[in-house]
Protein backbone atom coordinates (compact mmCIF):
# COMPACT_ATOMS: atom_id res chain seq x y z
CA MET A 1 163.19 143.02 145.01
CA LYS A 2 165.52 142.53 148.30
CA THR A 3 165.62 139.44 150.12
CA LEU A 4 164.59 139.61 153.81
CA GLN A 5 168.34 138.99 155.09
CA THR A 6 169.57 142.08 153.38
CA GLU A 7 167.05 144.20 154.43
CA LEU A 8 167.55 143.71 157.97
CA VAL A 9 171.23 144.36 157.81
CA GLU A 10 170.42 147.96 156.01
CA LYS A 11 168.05 148.75 158.84
CA ASP A 12 170.79 147.44 161.58
CA LEU A 13 168.73 144.80 162.88
CA SER A 14 171.00 142.19 161.98
CA ARG A 15 174.70 141.29 161.35
CA PRO A 16 175.87 140.66 157.51
CA ARG A 17 176.13 137.37 157.08
CA THR A 18 180.01 136.15 156.28
CA GLY A 19 180.86 133.59 153.50
CA GLU A 20 182.23 130.76 156.41
CA VAL A 21 180.00 129.04 158.49
CA GLU A 22 180.59 128.63 162.01
CA GLN A 23 182.05 125.25 163.08
CA LYS A 24 181.20 123.69 166.06
CA SER A 25 183.71 122.39 168.24
CA ILE A 26 181.85 119.59 169.47
CA ARG A 27 182.81 116.21 167.87
CA THR A 28 180.46 113.88 166.41
CA ARG A 29 180.18 110.28 167.64
CA GLY A 30 180.03 107.66 164.90
CA SER A 31 176.31 106.46 164.50
CA ARG A 32 175.62 103.13 166.50
CA LYS A 33 174.33 100.70 164.12
CA GLU A 34 171.48 98.90 166.12
CA ARG A 35 170.86 95.09 164.83
CA LEU A 36 167.44 94.24 165.15
CA THR A 37 166.37 90.80 164.81
CA SER A 38 163.23 89.32 162.81
CA ARG A 39 161.22 89.55 166.00
CA ASP A 40 162.07 93.12 166.98
CA TRP A 41 160.72 94.05 163.55
CA ALA A 42 157.61 91.98 163.93
CA GLU A 43 156.94 94.04 167.05
CA ILE A 44 157.67 97.26 165.77
CA MET A 45 155.62 96.77 162.67
CA GLY A 46 152.57 95.55 165.09
CA THR A 47 151.96 92.36 163.51
CA ASN A 48 151.52 90.21 166.60
CA ARG A 49 148.47 92.54 167.80
CA PRO A 50 145.35 91.82 167.93
CA THR A 51 143.18 92.99 165.11
CA TYR A 52 139.58 94.03 165.72
CA GLY A 53 136.79 94.64 163.11
CA ARG A 54 132.98 95.10 162.74
CA LYS A 55 130.83 92.13 163.07
CA LYS A 56 126.94 91.58 162.49
CA GLY A 57 125.39 93.95 164.94
CA GLY A 58 127.69 96.57 164.19
CA ALA A 59 130.17 96.20 167.58
CA TYR A 60 133.92 96.07 167.39
CA ARG A 61 135.11 92.46 168.14
CA GLN A 62 138.43 90.51 168.12
CA ARG A 63 139.27 88.87 165.12
């Protein structure tokens, strides 16, 4: 069984792949490490958001 890539090359629908991968000429910048405070993490996780639950009668109410 042949791979899809080899079949495409045989039917001249694609160029044969070379062993080398083309490298981009763009430099990659160093990743910036963002320092988050504990308050920022609490905001991301949603710990200071209002919570709702069903109470008597089935209605959603703020706890």
